């Protein structure tokens, strides 16, 4: 699909975070990772992350340490910084969650093992609950990858489930 010249298209790799305005489309491909999509319906701006793990299991040591979008808790901090910069509140945004597939079959992992996709979903839902976010859509779990693109001018997120090879 060809976009008009004035639209900036951003592709997020695992660990990336991007905040944009109505001239932006953000895309990514997800397996066990999660994308949180936040959109402000009045300002027509928001962001998306592509986190790989709920946390790094170690707190940042000092103020000079850079937040890393690979981790859900730090990706959420990146969102909070943008929300504060814009003098808005988390509750003003519409939230959509995607990803968290279990990419290994039951034969490839122990039955008692919780998959990384499940852990990532649990963390995303914890953020939604803790911050009383306005969750309007989610497509989580399963065992197939997803392609998504997020249009900042409308807040729409388009999803395509991939077939397993």
C-alpha atoms as a PDB file:
ATOM      1  CA  UNK A   1       0.000   0.000   0.000  1.00  0.00           C
ATOM      2  CA  UNK A   2       1.487   3.333  -1.054  1.00  0.00           C
ATOM      3  CA  UNK A   3       1.170   6.138   1.456  1.00  0.00           C
ATOM      4  CA  UNK A   4       0.926   9.841   0.633  1.00  0.00           C
ATOM      5  CA  UNK A   5       4.292  11.619   0.723  1.00  0.00           C
ATOM      6  CA  UNK A   6       3.393  13.515   3.901  1.00  0.00           C
ATOM      7  CA  UNK A   7       3.006  10.276   5.920  1.00  0.00           C
ATOM      8  CA  UNK A   8       6.049   9.105   7.864  1.00  0.00           C
ATOM      9  CA  UNK A   9       6.177   5.305   8.136  1.00  0.00           C
ATOM     10  CA  UNK A  10       8.165   3.867  11.042  1.00  0.00           C
ATOM     11  CA  UNK A  11       9.024   0.170  11.425  1.00  0.00           C
ATOM     12  CA  UNK A  12       9.641  -0.952  15.014  1.00  0.00           C
ATOM     13  CA  UNK A  13      12.176  -3.661  15.665  1.00  0.00           C
ATOM     14  CA  UNK A  14      12.078  -5.596  18.962  1.00  0.00           C
ATOM     15  CA  UNK A  15      12.916  -3.176  21.761  1.00  0.00           C
ATOM     16  CA  UNK A  16      11.914  -0.056  19.805  1.00  0.00           C
ATOM     17  CA  UNK A  17       9.558   2.695  20.974  1.00  0.00           C
ATOM     18  CA  UNK A  18       8.107   5.521  18.898  1.00  0.00           C
ATOM     19  CA  UNK A  19       5.839   8.492  19.644  1.00  0.00           C
ATOM     20  CA  UNK A  20       4.296  10.382  16.743  1.00  0.00           C
ATOM     21  CA  UNK A  21       1.538  12.631  15.470  1.00  0.00           C
ATOM     22  CA  UNK A  22      -1.197  12.436  12.816  1.00  0.00           C
ATOM     23  CA  UNK A  23       1.385  12.243  10.017  1.00  0.00           C
ATOM     24  CA  UNK A  24       2.710   8.888  11.247  1.00  0.00           C
ATOM     25  CA  UNK A  25       2.106   5.186  10.662  1.00  0.00           C
ATOM     26  CA  UNK A  26       3.954   2.722  12.906  1.00  0.00           C
ATOM     27  CA  UNK A  27       4.387  -0.935  11.871  1.00  0.00           C
ATOM     28  CA  UNK A  28       5.862  -4.049  13.430  1.00  0.00           C
ATOM     29  CA  UNK A  29       5.825  -7.841  13.437  1.00  0.00           C
ATOM     30  CA  UNK A  30       5.159  -9.632  16.736  1.00  0.00           C
ATOM     31  CA  UNK A  31       5.704 -13.141  18.039  1.00  0.00           C
ATOM     32  CA  UNK A  32       5.896 -13.484  21.825  1.00  0.00           C
ATOM     33  CA  UNK A  33       6.610  -9.747  22.099  1.00  0.00           C
ATOM     34  CA  UNK A  34       3.886  -7.211  22.933  1.00  0.00           C
ATOM     35  CA  UNK A  35       2.964  -3.906  21.343  1.00  0.00           C
ATOM     36  CA  UNK A  36       1.090  -1.396  23.449  1.00  0.00           C
ATOM     37  CA  UNK A  37      -0.546   1.211  21.226  1.00  0.00           C
ATOM     38  CA  UNK A  38      -1.646   4.480  22.886  1.00  0.00           C
ATOM     39  CA  UNK A  39      -3.633   7.087  20.976  1.00  0.00           C
ATOM     40  CA  UNK A  40      -5.044  10.436  22.077  1.00  0.00           C
ATOM     41  CA  UNK A  41      -8.305  10.984  20.134  1.00  0.00           C
ATOM     42  CA  UNK A  42      -8.266  14.789  20.481  1.00  0.00           C
ATOM     43  CA  UNK A  43      -4.568  15.457  19.853  1.00  0.00           C
ATOM     44  CA  UNK A  44      -4.320  12.678  17.201  1.00  0.00           C
ATOM     45  CA  UNK A  45      -0.977  11.509  18.537  1.00  0.00           C
ATOM     46  CA  UNK A  46       0.395   8.629  20.515  1.00  0.00           C
ATOM     47  CA  UNK A  47       2.915   5.875  20.445  1.00  0.00           C
ATOM     48  CA  UNK A  48       3.740   2.238  20.192  1.00  0.00           C
ATOM     49  CA  UNK A  49       6.310  -0.015  21.824  1.00  0.00           C
ATOM     50  CA  UNK A  50       7.592  -3.480  20.948  1.00  0.00           C
ATOM     51  CA  UNK A  51       8.766  -5.033  24.190  1.00  0.00           C
ATOM     52  CA  UNK A  52      10.365  -8.463  24.457  1.00  0.00           C
ATOM     53  CA  UNK A  53      10.369  -9.154  28.214  1.00  0.00           C
ATOM     54  CA  UNK A  54       8.319  -7.796  31.133  1.00  0.00           C
ATOM     55  CA  UNK A  55      11.409  -6.406  32.909  1.00  0.00           C
ATOM     56  CA  UNK A  56      15.179  -6.728  33.046  1.00  0.00           C
ATOM     57  CA  UNK A  57      14.942  -8.023  36.639  1.00  0.00           C
ATOM     58  CA  UNK A  58      17.425  -5.391  37.755  1.00  0.00           C
ATOM     59  CA  UNK A  59      16.698  -1.780  38.550  1.00  0.00           C
ATOM     60  CA  UNK A  60      18.583   0.962  36.745  1.00  0.00           C
ATOM     61  CA  UNK A  61      21.483   2.060  38.946  1.00  0.00           C
ATOM     62  CA  UNK A  62      21.577   5.771  38.270  1.00  0.00           C
ATOM     63  CA  UNK A  63      19.908   8.632  36.484  1.00  0.00           C
ATOM     64  CA  UNK A  64      22.342   8.262  33.579  1.00  0.00           C
ATOM     65  CA  UNK A  65      21.077   4.767  32.705  1.00  0.00           C
ATOM     66  CA  UNK A  66      18.989   4.825  29.564  1.00  0.00           C
ATOM     67  CA  UNK A  67      15.525   3.252  29.521  1.00  0.00           C
ATOM     68  CA  UNK A  68      15.407   0.257  27.200  1.00  0.00           C
ATOM     69  CA  UNK A  69      12.221  -0.485  25.242  1.00  0.00           C
ATOM     70  CA  UNK A  70      13.074  -4.212  25.235  1.00  0.00           C
ATOM     71  CA  UNK A  71      11.510  -4.365  28.696  1.00  0.00           C
ATOM     72  CA  UNK A  72       7.822  -3.735  29.325  1.00  0.00           C
ATOM     73  CA  UNK A  73       8.295  -1.739  32.519  1.00  0.00           C
ATOM     74  CA  UNK A  74      10.848   0.549  30.859  1.00  0.00           C
ATOM     75  CA  UNK A  75       8.765   0.888  27.675  1.00  0.00           C
ATOM     76  CA  UNK A  76       5.883   1.998  29.903  1.00  0.00           C
ATOM     77  CA  UNK A  77       8.174   4.623  31.484  1.00  0.00           C
ATOM     78  CA  UNK A  78       8.912   5.913  27.962  1.00  0.00           C
ATOM     79  CA  UNK A  79       5.156   6.258  27.400  1.00  0.00           C
ATOM     80  CA  UNK A  80       4.751   8.115  30.714  1.00  0.00           C
ATOM     81  CA  UNK A  81       7.497  10.578  29.752  1.00  0.00           C
ATOM     82  CA  UNK A  82       5.710  11.406  26.482  1.00  0.00           C
ATOM     83  CA  UNK A  83       2.329  11.668  28.228  1.00  0.00           C
ATOM     84  CA  UNK A  84       3.830  14.086  30.775  1.00  0.00           C
ATOM     85  CA  UNK A  85       5.576  16.116  28.041  1.00  0.00           C
ATOM     86  CA  UNK A  86       2.195  16.550  26.372  1.00  0.00           C
ATOM     87  CA  UNK A  87       0.531  17.605  29.633  1.00  0.00           C
ATOM     88  CA  UNK A  88      -2.002  14.804  29.308  1.00  0.00           C
ATOM     89  CA  UNK A  89      -3.007  11.873  31.528  1.00  0.00           C
ATOM     90  CA  UNK A  90      -2.816   8.142  30.739  1.00  0.00           C
ATOM     91  CA  UNK A  91      -6.619   7.899  31.115  1.00  0.00           C
ATOM     92  CA  UNK A  92      -7.102  10.244  28.123  1.00  0.00           C
ATOM     93  CA  UNK A  93      -5.605   7.703  25.713  1.00  0.00           C
ATOM     94  CA  UNK A  94      -7.239   4.775  23.967  1.00  0.00           C
ATOM     95  CA  UNK A  95      -5.150   1.635  24.434  1.00  0.00           C
ATOM     96  CA  UNK A  96      -4.795  -1.425  22.202  1.00  0.00           C
ATOM     97  CA  UNK A  97      -2.676  -4.498  22.991  1.00  0.00           C
ATOM     98  CA  UNK A  98      -1.244  -7.008  20.522  1.00  0.00           C
ATOM     99  CA  UNK A  99       1.098 -10.004  20.566  1.00  0.00           C
ATOM    100  CA  UNK A 100       2.110 -12.485  23.210  1.00  0.00           C
ATOM    101  CA  UNK A 101       2.036 -15.573  21.009  1.00  0.00           C
ATOM    102  CA  UNK A 102       3.519 -18.784  22.308  1.00  0.00           C
ATOM    103  CA  UNK A 103       5.838 -19.554  19.457  1.00  0.00           C
ATOM    104  CA  UNK A 104       6.746 -23.059  20.646  1.00  0.00           C
ATOM    105  CA  UNK A 105       4.412 -26.058  20.642  1.00  0.00           C
ATOM    106  CA  UNK A 106       3.645 -27.964  23.849  1.00  0.00           C
ATOM    107  CA  UNK A 107       6.133 -30.611  22.678  1.00  0.00           C
ATOM    108  CA  UNK A 108       8.875 -27.975  22.446  1.00  0.00           C
ATOM    109  CA  UNK A 109       8.368 -26.685  25.983  1.00  0.00           C
ATOM    110  CA  UNK A 110       7.477 -28.232  29.281  1.00  0.00           C
ATOM    111  CA  UNK A 111       3.759 -28.344  30.075  1.00  0.00           C
ATOM    112  CA  UNK A 112       4.381 -26.635  33.419  1.00  0.00           C
ATOM    113  CA  UNK A 113       6.434 -23.856  31.868  1.00  0.00           C
ATOM    114  CA  UNK A 114       4.700 -20.543  31.316  1.00  0.00           C
ATOM    115  CA  UNK A 115       5.677 -19.208  27.903  1.00  0.00           C
ATOM    116  CA  UNK A 116       7.278 -15.807  27.406  1.00  0.00           C
ATOM    117  CA  UNK A 117       4.187 -14.702  25.493  1.00  0.00           C
ATOM    118  CA  UNK A 118       2.041 -15.434  28.555  1.00  0.00           C
ATOM    119  CA  UNK A 119       4.416 -13.507  30.827  1.00  0.00           C
ATOM    120  CA  UNK A 120       4.347 -10.532  28.454  1.00  0.00           C
ATOM    121  CA  UNK A 121       0.526 -10.587  28.333  1.00  0.00           C
ATOM    122  CA  UNK A 122       0.354 -10.720  32.132  1.00  0.00           C
ATOM    123  CA  UNK A 123       2.585  -7.648  32.365  1.00  0.00           C
ATOM    124  CA  UNK A 124       0.573  -5.666  29.774  1.00  0.00           C
ATOM    125  CA  UNK A 125      -2.678  -6.407  31.610  1.00  0.00           C
ATOM    126  CA  UNK A 126      -1.068  -5.384  34.897  1.00  0.00           C
ATOM    127  CA  UNK A 127      -0.202  -1.962  33.404  1.00  0.00           C
ATOM    128  CA  UNK A 128      -3.773  -1.544  32.084  1.00  0.00           C
ATOM    129  CA  UNK A 129      -5.211  -2.389  35.499  1.00  0.00           C
ATOM    130  CA  UNK A 130      -2.717  -0.421  37.586  1.00  0.00           C
ATOM    131  CA  UNK A 131      -3.089   2.788  35.554  1.00  0.00           C
ATOM    132  CA  UNK A 132      -6.834   2.302  34.893  1.00  0.00           C
ATOM    133  CA  UNK A 133      -6.202   2.624  31.162  1.00  0.00           C
ATOM    134  CA  UNK A 134      -8.979   2.807  28.597  1.00  0.00           C
ATOM    135  CA  UNK A 135      -8.421  -0.546  26.873  1.00  0.00           C
ATOM    136  CA  UNK A 136     -10.529  -0.596  23.702  1.00  0.00           C
ATOM    137  CA  UNK A 137      -9.052  -3.577  21.856  1.00  0.00           C
ATOM    138  CA  UNK A 138      -6.695  -6.486  22.284  1.00  0.00           C
ATOM    139  CA  UNK A 139      -5.491  -9.419  20.232  1.00  0.00           C
ATOM    140  CA  UNK A 140      -3.241 -11.489  22.478  1.00  0.00           C
ATOM    141  CA  UNK A 141      -1.953 -15.026  22.805  1.00  0.00           C
ATOM    142  CA  UNK A 142      -2.329 -17.856  20.371  1.00  0.00           C
ATOM    143  CA  UNK A 143       0.585 -19.385  18.532  1.00  0.00           C
ATOM    144  CA  UNK A 144       0.940 -17.346  15.346  1.00  0.00           C
ATOM    145  CA  UNK A 145       2.901 -14.166  14.633  1.00  0.00           C
ATOM    146  CA  UNK A 146       1.102 -10.912  13.890  1.00  0.00           C
ATOM    147  CA  UNK A 147       1.798  -7.967  11.599  1.00  0.00           C
ATOM    148  CA  UNK A 148       0.299  -4.702  12.764  1.00  0.00           C
ATOM    149  CA  UNK A 149       0.279  -1.130  11.606  1.00  0.00           C
ATOM    150  CA  UNK A 150      -0.977   1.807  13.625  1.00  0.00           C
ATOM    151  CA  UNK A 151      -2.295   4.906  11.829  1.00  0.00           C
ATOM    152  CA  UNK A 152      -1.896   7.958  14.074  1.00  0.00           C
ATOM    153  CA  UNK A 153      -4.309  10.080  12.045  1.00  0.00           C
ATOM    154  CA  UNK A 154      -7.221   7.747  12.912  1.00  0.00           C
ATOM    155  CA  UNK A 155      -6.083   5.616  15.856  1.00  0.00           C
ATOM    156  CA  UNK A 156      -6.805   2.484  13.809  1.00  0.00           C
ATOM    157  CA  UNK A 157      -4.554  -0.517  14.225  1.00  0.00           C
ATOM    158  CA  UNK A 158      -4.646  -3.011  11.380  1.00  0.00           C
ATOM    159  CA  UNK A 159      -3.799  -6.624  12.141  1.00  0.00           C
ATOM    160  CA  UNK A 160      -2.826  -9.582  10.005  1.00  0.00           C
ATOM    161  CA  UNK A 161      -2.232 -12.966  11.625  1.00  0.00           C
ATOM    162  CA  UNK A 162       0.589 -14.858   9.947  1.00  0.00           C
ATOM    163  CA  UNK A 163       0.376 -18.500   9.014  1.00  0.00           C
ATOM    164  CA  UNK A 164       2.925 -20.789  10.653  1.00  0.00           C
ATOM    165  CA  UNK A 165       5.381 -22.407   8.286  1.00  0.00           C
END
